[in-house]
Full PDB file with SEQRES, HELIX, SHEET, SSBOND, CRYST1, ORIGX, SCALE, CONECT and MASTER records, all heavy atoms in Angstrom:
SEQRES   1 A   32  TYR TYR THR SER LYS GLU MET ARG THR ARG VAL TYR ASP          
SEQRES   2 A   32  GLU PHE THR ALA LYS GLY GLY LYS PRO CYS ILE ASP ARG          
SEQRES   3 A   32  ALA ASP TYR LEU ALA LYS                                      
HELIX    1 AA1 LYS A    5  ALA A   17  1                                  13    
HELIX    2 AA2 ARG A   26  LEU A   30  1                                   5    
CRYST1    1.000    1.000    1.000  90.00  90.00  90.00 P 1           1          
ORIGX1      1.000000  0.000000  0.000000        0.00000                         
ORIGX2      0.000000  1.000000  0.000000        0.00000                         
ORIGX3      0.000000  0.000000  1.000000        0.00000                         
SCALE1      1.000000  0.000000  0.000000        0.00000                         
SCALE2      0.000000  1.000000  0.000000        0.00000                         
SCALE3      0.000000  0.000000  1.000000        0.00000                         
ATOM      1  N   TYR A   1      34.076 -82.203  47.660  1.00  0.00           N  
ATOM      2  CA  TYR A   1      33.499 -81.035  47.111  1.00  0.00           C  
ATOM      3  C   TYR A   1      34.094 -79.773  47.759  1.00  0.00           C  
ATOM      4  O   TYR A   1      34.697 -78.856  47.128  1.00  0.00           O  
ATOM      5  CB  TYR A   1      32.055 -80.938  47.321  1.00  0.00           C  
ATOM      6  CG  TYR A   1      31.371 -79.526  46.996  1.00  0.00           C  
ATOM      7  CD1 TYR A   1      31.126 -79.264  45.608  1.00  0.00           C  
ATOM      8  CD2 TYR A   1      31.008 -78.616  47.954  1.00  0.00           C  
ATOM      9  CE1 TYR A   1      30.678 -77.970  45.426  1.00  0.00           C  
ATOM     10  CE2 TYR A   1      30.423 -77.396  47.558  1.00  0.00           C  
ATOM     11  CZ  TYR A   1      30.179 -77.066  46.386  1.00  0.00           C  
ATOM     12  OH  TYR A   1      29.660 -75.844  46.046  1.00  0.00           O  
ATOM     13  N   TYR A   2      34.214 -79.669  49.071  1.00  0.00           N  
ATOM     14  CA  TYR A   2      34.862 -78.590  49.873  1.00  0.00           C  
ATOM     15  C   TYR A   2      36.357 -78.511  49.852  1.00  0.00           C  
ATOM     16  O   TYR A   2      36.825 -77.381  50.200  1.00  0.00           O  
ATOM     17  CB  TYR A   2      34.164 -78.605  51.162  1.00  0.00           C  
ATOM     18  CG  TYR A   2      32.725 -78.155  51.242  1.00  0.00           C  
ATOM     19  CD1 TYR A   2      31.752 -79.087  51.580  1.00  0.00           C  
ATOM     20  CD2 TYR A   2      32.399 -76.816  50.994  1.00  0.00           C  
ATOM     21  CE1 TYR A   2      30.347 -78.660  51.561  1.00  0.00           C  
ATOM     22  CE2 TYR A   2      31.077 -76.444  50.976  1.00  0.00           C  
ATOM     23  CZ  TYR A   2      29.979 -77.266  51.294  1.00  0.00           C  
ATOM     24  OH  TYR A   2      28.760 -76.972  51.315  1.00  0.00           O  
ATOM     25  N   THR A   3      36.937 -79.530  49.487  1.00  0.00           N  
ATOM     26  CA  THR A   3      38.442 -79.566  49.291  1.00  0.00           C  
ATOM     27  C   THR A   3      38.893 -79.549  47.979  1.00  0.00           C  
ATOM     28  O   THR A   3      40.064 -79.561  47.610  1.00  0.00           O  
ATOM     29  CB  THR A   3      39.035 -80.715  50.214  1.00  0.00           C  
ATOM     30  OG1 THR A   3      38.613 -81.991  49.632  1.00  0.00           O  
ATOM     31  CG2 THR A   3      38.782 -80.681  51.605  1.00  0.00           C  
ATOM     32  N   SER A   4      37.981 -79.457  46.960  1.00  0.00           N  
ATOM     33  CA  SER A   4      38.247 -79.600  45.457  1.00  0.00           C  
ATOM     34  C   SER A   4      39.217 -78.530  45.094  1.00  0.00           C  
ATOM     35  O   SER A   4      39.294 -77.496  45.705  1.00  0.00           O  
ATOM     36  CB  SER A   4      37.098 -79.649  44.709  1.00  0.00           C  
ATOM     37  OG  SER A   4      36.424 -78.292  44.756  1.00  0.00           O  
ATOM     38  N   LYS A   5      39.961 -78.752  43.982  1.00  0.00           N  
ATOM     39  CA  LYS A   5      40.834 -77.699  43.478  1.00  0.00           C  
ATOM     40  C   LYS A   5      40.061 -76.359  43.086  1.00  0.00           C  
ATOM     41  O   LYS A   5      40.506 -75.366  43.233  1.00  0.00           O  
ATOM     42  CB  LYS A   5      41.679 -78.290  42.376  1.00  0.00           C  
ATOM     43  CG  LYS A   5      42.684 -77.281  41.702  1.00  0.00           C  
ATOM     44  CD  LYS A   5      43.548 -77.869  40.644  1.00  0.00           C  
ATOM     45  CE  LYS A   5      44.652 -76.997  40.155  1.00  0.00           C  
ATOM     46  NZ  LYS A   5      45.494 -77.626  39.169  1.00  0.00           N  
ATOM     47  N   GLU A   6      38.808 -76.712  42.482  1.00  0.00           N  
ATOM     48  CA  GLU A   6      37.961 -75.602  42.079  1.00  0.00           C  
ATOM     49  C   GLU A   6      37.585 -74.813  43.277  1.00  0.00           C  
ATOM     50  O   GLU A   6      37.665 -73.529  43.279  1.00  0.00           O  
ATOM     51  CB  GLU A   6      36.732 -76.124  41.428  1.00  0.00           C  
ATOM     52  CG  GLU A   6      35.737 -74.831  40.989  1.00  0.00           C  
ATOM     53  CD  GLU A   6      34.503 -75.468  40.435  1.00  0.00           C  
ATOM     54  OE1 GLU A   6      34.355 -76.688  40.288  1.00  0.00           O  
ATOM     55  OE2 GLU A   6      33.719 -74.679  39.985  1.00  0.00           O  
ATOM     56  N   MET A   7      37.300 -75.353  44.377  1.00  0.00           N  
ATOM     57  CA  MET A   7      36.989 -74.636  45.616  1.00  0.00           C  
ATOM     58  C   MET A   7      37.997 -74.016  46.183  1.00  0.00           C  
ATOM     59  O   MET A   7      38.017 -72.719  46.540  1.00  0.00           O  
ATOM     60  CB  MET A   7      36.327 -75.631  46.706  1.00  0.00           C  
ATOM     61  CG  MET A   7      35.880 -74.946  47.945  1.00  0.00           C  
ATOM     62  SD  MET A   7      34.390 -73.882  47.653  1.00  0.00           S  
ATOM     63  CE  MET A   7      33.316 -75.119  47.400  1.00  0.00           C  
ATOM     64  N   ARG A   8      39.376 -74.530  46.245  1.00  0.00           N  
ATOM     65  CA  ARG A   8      40.405 -73.935  46.751  1.00  0.00           C  
ATOM     66  C   ARG A   8      40.835 -72.702  45.879  1.00  0.00           C  
ATOM     67  O   ARG A   8      41.382 -71.722  46.452  1.00  0.00           O  
ATOM     68  CB  ARG A   8      41.593 -74.896  46.703  1.00  0.00           C  
ATOM     69  CG  ARG A   8      41.568 -75.801  48.027  1.00  0.00           C  
ATOM     70  CD  ARG A   8      42.655 -76.776  48.060  1.00  0.00           C  
ATOM     71  NE  ARG A   8      42.345 -77.958  47.231  1.00  0.00           N  
ATOM     72  CZ  ARG A   8      43.279 -78.528  46.454  1.00  0.00           C  
ATOM     73  NH1 ARG A   8      44.587 -78.224  46.368  1.00  0.00           N  
ATOM     74  NH2 ARG A   8      42.857 -79.572  45.694  1.00  0.00           N  
ATOM     75  N   THR A   9      40.698 -72.815  44.571  1.00  0.00           N  
ATOM     76  CA  THR A   9      40.901 -71.696  43.696  1.00  0.00           C  
ATOM     77  C   THR A   9      40.104 -70.479  44.011  1.00  0.00           C  
ATOM     78  O   THR A   9      40.620 -69.274  44.269  1.00  0.00           O  
ATOM     79  CB  THR A   9      40.661 -71.986  42.214  1.00  0.00           C  
ATOM     80  OG1 THR A   9      41.458 -73.087  41.858  1.00  0.00           O  
ATOM     81  CG2 THR A   9      40.792 -70.729  41.319  1.00  0.00           C  
ATOM     82  N   ARG A  10      38.826 -70.621  44.271  1.00  0.00           N  
ATOM     83  CA  ARG A  10      37.843 -69.631  44.704  1.00  0.00           C  
ATOM     84  C   ARG A  10      38.229 -68.997  46.132  1.00  0.00           C  
ATOM     85  O   ARG A  10      38.388 -67.910  46.313  1.00  0.00           O  
ATOM     86  CB  ARG A  10      36.398 -70.058  44.692  1.00  0.00           C  
ATOM     87  CG  ARG A  10      35.889 -70.479  43.387  1.00  0.00           C  
ATOM     88  CD  ARG A  10      34.505 -71.063  43.525  1.00  0.00           C  
ATOM     89  NE  ARG A  10      33.785 -71.357  42.276  1.00  0.00           N  
ATOM     90  CZ  ARG A  10      32.449 -71.846  42.296  1.00  0.00           C  
ATOM     91  NH1 ARG A  10      31.858 -72.029  43.277  1.00  0.00           N  
ATOM     92  NH2 ARG A  10      32.037 -72.199  41.154  1.00  0.00           N  
ATOM     93  N   VAL A  11      38.593 -70.022  46.928  1.00  0.00           N  
ATOM     94  CA  VAL A  11      38.831 -69.571  48.334  1.00  0.00           C  
ATOM     95  C   VAL A  11      40.203 -68.672  48.345  1.00  0.00           C  
ATOM     96  O   VAL A  11      40.193 -67.638  48.982  1.00  0.00           O  
ATOM     97  CB  VAL A  11      39.046 -70.788  49.275  1.00  0.00           C  
ATOM     98  CG1 VAL A  11      39.708 -70.484  50.518  1.00  0.00           C  
ATOM     99  CG2 VAL A  11      37.759 -71.445  49.510  1.00  0.00           C  
ATOM    100  N   TYR A  12      41.221 -69.081  47.708  1.00  0.00           N  
ATOM    101  CA  TYR A  12      42.372 -68.557  47.729  1.00  0.00           C  
ATOM    102  C   TYR A  12      42.249 -67.032  47.142  1.00  0.00           C  
ATOM    103  O   TYR A  12      42.747 -66.073  47.458  1.00  0.00           O  
ATOM    104  CB  TYR A  12      43.427 -69.226  46.939  1.00  0.00           C  
ATOM    105  CG  TYR A  12      44.913 -68.839  47.113  1.00  0.00           C  
ATOM    106  CD1 TYR A  12      45.718 -69.341  48.035  1.00  0.00           C  
ATOM    107  CD2 TYR A  12      45.341 -67.787  46.294  1.00  0.00           C  
ATOM    108  CE1 TYR A  12      47.073 -68.949  48.273  1.00  0.00           C  
ATOM    109  CE2 TYR A  12      46.672 -67.248  46.500  1.00  0.00           C  
ATOM    110  CZ  TYR A  12      47.535 -67.902  47.477  1.00  0.00           C  
ATOM    111  OH  TYR A  12      48.787 -67.399  47.676  1.00  0.00           O  
ATOM    112  N   ASP A  13      41.541 -67.090  45.925  1.00  0.00           N  
ATOM    113  CA  ASP A  13      41.425 -65.848  45.041  1.00  0.00           C  
ATOM    114  C   ASP A  13      40.547 -64.758  45.848  1.00  0.00           C  
ATOM    115  O   ASP A  13      40.798 -63.645  45.897  1.00  0.00           O  
ATOM    116  CB  ASP A  13      40.894 -66.045  43.770  1.00  0.00           C  
ATOM    117  CG  ASP A  13      41.917 -66.888  42.865  1.00  0.00           C  
ATOM    118  OD1 ASP A  13      43.074 -66.991  43.254  1.00  0.00           O  
ATOM    119  OD2 ASP A  13      41.411 -67.376  41.778  1.00  0.00           O  
ATOM    120  N   GLU A  14      39.566 -65.233  46.432  1.00  0.00           N  
ATOM    121  CA  GLU A  14      38.660 -64.323  47.307  1.00  0.00           C  
ATOM    122  C   GLU A  14      39.483 -63.797  48.497  1.00  0.00           C  
ATOM    123  O   GLU A  14      39.333 -62.553  48.830  1.00  0.00           O  
ATOM    124  CB  GLU A  14      37.529 -65.057  47.819  1.00  0.00           C  
ATOM    125  CG  GLU A  14      36.357 -65.308  46.827  1.00  0.00           C  
ATOM    126  CD  GLU A  14      35.725 -64.186  46.240  1.00  0.00           C  
ATOM    127  OE1 GLU A  14      35.764 -63.048  46.933  1.00  0.00           O  
ATOM    128  OE2 GLU A  14      35.349 -64.030  45.062  1.00  0.00           O  
ATOM    129  N   PHE A  15      40.256 -64.523  49.121  1.00  0.00           N  
ATOM    130  CA  PHE A  15      41.053 -64.133  50.230  1.00  0.00           C  
ATOM    131  C   PHE A  15      42.011 -63.001  49.862  1.00  0.00           C  
ATOM    132  O   PHE A  15      42.128 -62.007  50.438  1.00  0.00           O  
ATOM    133  CB  PHE A  15      41.723 -65.384  50.971  1.00  0.00           C  
ATOM    134  CG  PHE A  15      42.586 -64.911  52.179  1.00  0.00           C  
ATOM    135  CD1 PHE A  15      41.827 -64.396  53.372  1.00  0.00           C  
ATOM    136  CD2 PHE A  15      43.838 -65.289  52.217  1.00  0.00           C  
ATOM    137  CE1 PHE A  15      42.528 -64.193  54.486  1.00  0.00           C  
ATOM    138  CE2 PHE A  15      44.584 -64.940  53.367  1.00  0.00           C  
ATOM    139  CZ  PHE A  15      43.899 -64.378  54.616  1.00  0.00           C  
ATOM    140  N   THR A  16      42.669 -63.282  48.841  1.00  0.00           N  
ATOM    141  CA  THR A  16      43.711 -62.303  48.439  1.00  0.00           C  
ATOM    142  C   THR A  16      43.118 -61.101  47.843  1.00  0.00           C  
ATOM    143  O   THR A  16      43.654 -59.948  47.957  1.00  0.00           O  
ATOM    144  CB  THR A  16      44.690 -62.995  47.318  1.00  0.00           C  
ATOM    145  OG1 THR A  16      43.963 -63.631  46.324  1.00  0.00           O  
ATOM    146  CG2 THR A  16      45.550 -64.071  47.976  1.00  0.00           C  
ATOM    147  N   ALA A  17      41.991 -61.228  47.084  1.00  0.00           N  
ATOM    148  CA  ALA A  17      41.333 -60.028  46.572  1.00  0.00           C  
ATOM    149  C   ALA A  17      40.823 -59.124  47.657  1.00  0.00           C  
ATOM    150  O   ALA A  17      40.697 -57.965  47.428  1.00  0.00           O  
ATOM    151  CB  ALA A  17      40.090 -60.618  45.797  1.00  0.00           C  
ATOM    152  N   LYS A  18      40.648 -59.654  48.806  1.00  0.00           N  
ATOM    153  CA  LYS A  18      40.201 -58.816  49.934  1.00  0.00           C  
ATOM    154  C   LYS A  18      41.343 -58.300  50.752  1.00  0.00           C  
ATOM    155  O   LYS A  18      41.209 -57.756  51.898  1.00  0.00           O  
ATOM    156  CB  LYS A  18      39.246 -59.571  50.874  1.00  0.00           C  
ATOM    157  CG  LYS A  18      37.835 -59.952  50.155  1.00  0.00           C  
ATOM    158  CD  LYS A  18      37.104 -60.781  50.974  1.00  0.00           C  
ATOM    159  CE  LYS A  18      35.582 -61.186  50.278  1.00  0.00           C  
ATOM    160  NZ  LYS A  18      34.961 -62.132  51.102  1.00  0.00           N  
ATOM    161  N   GLY A  19      42.535 -58.506  50.183  1.00  0.00           N  
ATOM    162  CA  GLY A  19      43.798 -58.031  50.908  1.00  0.00           C  
ATOM    163  C   GLY A  19      44.416 -59.008  51.836  1.00  0.00           C  
ATOM    164  O   GLY A  19      45.437 -58.666  52.553  1.00  0.00           O  
ATOM    165  N   GLY A  20      44.003 -60.318  51.860  1.00  0.00           N  
ATOM    166  CA  GLY A  20      44.512 -61.285  52.685  1.00  0.00           C  
ATOM    167  C   GLY A  20      45.969 -61.753  52.202  1.00  0.00           C  
ATOM    168  O   GLY A  20      46.097 -61.664  50.911  1.00  0.00           O  
ATOM    169  N   LYS A  21      46.792 -62.170  53.013  1.00  0.00           N  
ATOM    170  CA  LYS A  21      48.184 -62.503  52.639  1.00  0.00           C  
ATOM    171  C   LYS A  21      48.331 -63.845  53.142  1.00  0.00           C  
ATOM    172  O   LYS A  21      48.932 -64.118  54.244  1.00  0.00           O  
ATOM    173  CB  LYS A  21      49.154 -61.540  53.249  1.00  0.00           C  
ATOM    174  CG  LYS A  21      48.888 -60.084  52.656  1.00  0.00           C  
ATOM    175  CD  LYS A  21      50.047 -59.039  53.281  1.00  0.00           C  
ATOM    176  CE  LYS A  21      49.843 -57.675  52.655  1.00  0.00           C  
ATOM    177  NZ  LYS A  21      50.749 -56.729  53.177  1.00  0.00           N  
ATOM    178  N   PRO A  22      48.222 -64.805  52.324  1.00  0.00           N  
ATOM    179  CA  PRO A  22      48.481 -66.293  52.701  1.00  0.00           C  
ATOM    180  C   PRO A  22      50.070 -66.628  52.857  1.00  0.00           C  
ATOM    181  O   PRO A  22      50.809 -65.660  52.172  1.00  0.00           O  
ATOM    182  CB  PRO A  22      47.879 -67.153  51.506  1.00  0.00           C  
ATOM    183  CG  PRO A  22      47.105 -66.207  50.840  1.00  0.00           C  
ATOM    184  CD  PRO A  22      47.594 -64.857  50.994  1.00  0.00           C  
ATOM    185  N   CYS A  23      50.398 -67.461  53.699  1.00  0.00           N  
ATOM    186  CA  CYS A  23      51.714 -67.814  53.840  1.00  0.00           C  
ATOM    187  C   CYS A  23      52.068 -68.996  52.895  1.00  0.00           C  
ATOM    188  O   CYS A  23      53.047 -69.812  53.123  1.00  0.00           O  
ATOM    189  CB  CYS A  23      52.042 -68.157  55.226  1.00  0.00           C  
ATOM    190  SG  CYS A  23      51.830 -66.857  56.393  1.00  0.00           S  
ATOM    191  N   ILE A  24      51.375 -69.125  51.769  1.00  0.00           N  
ATOM    192  CA  ILE A  24      51.660 -70.160  50.750  1.00  0.00           C  
ATOM    193  C   ILE A  24      51.341 -69.576  49.440  1.00  0.00           C  
ATOM    194  O   ILE A  24      50.424 -68.915  49.237  1.00  0.00           O  
ATOM    195  CB  ILE A  24      50.781 -71.504  51.117  1.00  0.00           C  
ATOM    196  CG1 ILE A  24      51.013 -72.608  50.133  1.00  0.00           C  
ATOM    197  CG2 ILE A  24      49.287 -71.183  51.065  1.00  0.00           C  
ATOM    198  CD1 ILE A  24      50.432 -73.860  50.511  1.00  0.00           C  
ATOM    199  N   ASP A  25      52.126 -69.989  48.436  1.00  0.00           N  
ATOM    200  CA  ASP A  25      51.942 -69.601  47.148  1.00  0.00           C  
ATOM    201  C   ASP A  25      50.724 -70.247  46.579  1.00  0.00           C  
ATOM    202  O   ASP A  25      50.307 -71.285  46.992  1.00  0.00           O  
ATOM    203  CB  ASP A  25      53.149 -69.862  46.264  1.00  0.00           C  
ATOM    204  CG  ASP A  25      54.432 -69.186  46.499  1.00  0.00           C  
ATOM    205  OD1 ASP A  25      54.214 -68.066  47.045  1.00  0.00           O  
ATOM    206  OD2 ASP A  25      55.463 -69.704  46.161  1.00  0.00           O  
ATOM    207  N   ARG A  26      50.047 -69.521  45.647  1.00  0.00           N  
ATOM    208  CA  ARG A  26      48.765 -70.114  45.075  1.00  0.00           C  
ATOM    209  C   ARG A  26      48.985 -71.460  44.468  1.00  0.00           C  
ATOM    210  O   ARG A  26      48.262 -72.322  44.617  1.00  0.00           O  
ATOM    211  CB  ARG A  26      48.286 -69.004  44.033  1.00  0.00           C  
ATOM    212  CG  ARG A  26      46.939 -69.424  43.439  1.00  0.00           C  
ATOM    213  CD  ARG A  26      46.603 -68.280  42.491  1.00  0.00           C  
ATOM    214  NE  ARG A  26      45.127 -68.330  42.011  1.00  0.00           N  
ATOM    215  CZ  ARG A  26      44.814 -69.079  40.867  1.00  0.00           C  
ATOM    216  NH1 ARG A  26      45.746 -69.607  40.189  1.00  0.00           N  
ATOM    217  NH2 ARG A  26      43.509 -69.113  40.436  1.00  0.00           N  
ATOM    218  N   ALA A  27      50.068 -71.589  43.734  1.00  0.00           N  
ATOM    219  CA  ALA A  27      50.365 -72.910  43.018  1.00  0.00           C  
ATOM    220  C   ALA A  27      50.456 -74.055  44.063  1.00  0.00           C  
ATOM    221  O   ALA A  27      49.947 -75.121  43.807  1.00  0.00           O  
ATOM    222  CB  ALA A  27      51.586 -72.903  42.077  1.00  0.00           C  
ATOM    223  N   ASP A  28      51.122 -73.806  45.072  1.00  0.00           N  
ATOM    224  CA  ASP A  28      51.331 -74.767  46.182  1.00  0.00           C  
ATOM    225  C   ASP A  28      50.090 -75.043  46.877  1.00  0.00           C  
ATOM    226  O   ASP A  28      49.759 -76.214  47.323  1.00  0.00           O  
ATOM    227  CB  ASP A  28      52.408 -74.287  47.207  1.00  0.00           C  
ATOM    228  CG  ASP A  28      53.748 -74.278  46.546  1.00  0.00           C  
ATOM    229  OD1 ASP A  28      54.077 -74.970  45.599  1.00  0.00           O  
ATOM    230  OD2 ASP A  28      54.592 -73.525  47.181  1.00  0.00           O  
ATOM    231  N   TYR A  29      49.232 -74.025  47.111  1.00  0.00           N  
ATOM    232  CA  TYR A  29      47.931 -74.142  47.704  1.00  0.00           C  
ATOM    233  C   TYR A  29      47.024 -75.137  46.776  1.00  0.00           C  
ATOM    234  O   TYR A  29      46.386 -76.038  47.379  1.00  0.00           O  
ATOM    235  CB  TYR A  29      47.267 -72.861  48.000  1.00  0.00           C  
ATOM    236  CG  TYR A  29      46.084 -72.920  48.826  1.00  0.00           C  
ATOM    237  CD1 TYR A  29      46.121 -73.105  50.168  1.00  0.00           C  
ATOM    238  CD2 TYR A  29      44.750 -72.580  48.216  1.00  0.00           C  
ATOM    239  CE1 TYR A  29      44.984 -73.020  50.911  1.00  0.00           C  
ATOM    240  CE2 TYR A  29      43.624 -72.681  48.977  1.00  0.00           C  
ATOM    241  CZ  TYR A  29      43.780 -72.829  50.439  1.00  0.00           C  
ATOM    242  OH  TYR A  29      42.673 -72.763  51.248  1.00  0.00           O  
ATOM    243  N   LEU A  30      47.101 -74.861  45.548  1.00  0.00           N  
ATOM    244  CA  LEU A  30      46.180 -75.700  44.711  1.00  0.00           C  
ATOM    245  C   LEU A  30      46.723 -77.064  44.390  1.00  0.00           C  
ATOM    246  O   LEU A  30      46.073 -77.985  43.989  1.00  0.00           O  
ATOM    247  CB  LEU A  30      45.964 -74.995  43.296  1.00  0.00           C  
ATOM    248  CG  LEU A  30      45.427 -73.504  43.322  1.00  0.00           C  
ATOM    249  CD1 LEU A  30      45.197 -72.938  41.885  1.00  0.00           C  
ATOM    250  CD2 LEU A  30      43.992 -73.727  44.118  1.00  0.00           C  
ATOM    251  N   ALA A  31      47.989 -77.278  44.717  1.00  0.00           N  
ATOM    252  CA  ALA A  31      48.571 -78.597  44.533  1.00  0.00           C  
ATOM    253  C   ALA A  31      48.549 -79.512  45.791  1.00  0.00           C  
ATOM    254  O   ALA A  31      48.980 -80.638  45.825  1.00  0.00           O  
ATOM    255  CB  ALA A  31      50.065 -78.419  44.133  1.00  0.00           C  
ATOM    256  N   LYS A  32      47.778 -79.066  46.851  1.00  0.00           N  
ATOM    257  CA  LYS A  32      47.791 -79.710  48.079  1.00  0.00           C  
ATOM    258  C   LYS A  32      47.115 -81.088  47.915  1.00  0.00           C  
ATOM    259  O   LYS A  32      46.136 -81.222  47.195  1.00  0.00           O  
ATOM    260  CB  LYS A  32      47.171 -79.028  49.179  1.00  0.00           C  
ATOM    261  CG  LYS A  32      47.988 -78.011  49.888  1.00  0.00           C  
ATOM    262  CD  LYS A  32      47.289 -77.258  51.110  1.00  0.00           C  
ATOM    263  CE  LYS A  32      48.161 -76.293  51.781  1.00  0.00           C  
ATOM    264  NZ  LYS A  32      47.559 -75.896  53.041  1.00  0.00           N  
TER     265      LYS A  32                                                      
MASTER        0    0    0    2    0    0    0    6  264    1    0    3          
END                                                                             
């Protein structure tokens, strides 16, 4: 549940919406 693609989508989008800058593209993050 906590590593699901849906959860990762929310986590990534919330982080970037708050100005966070991941070192990985969204598509690659969701494909892990």
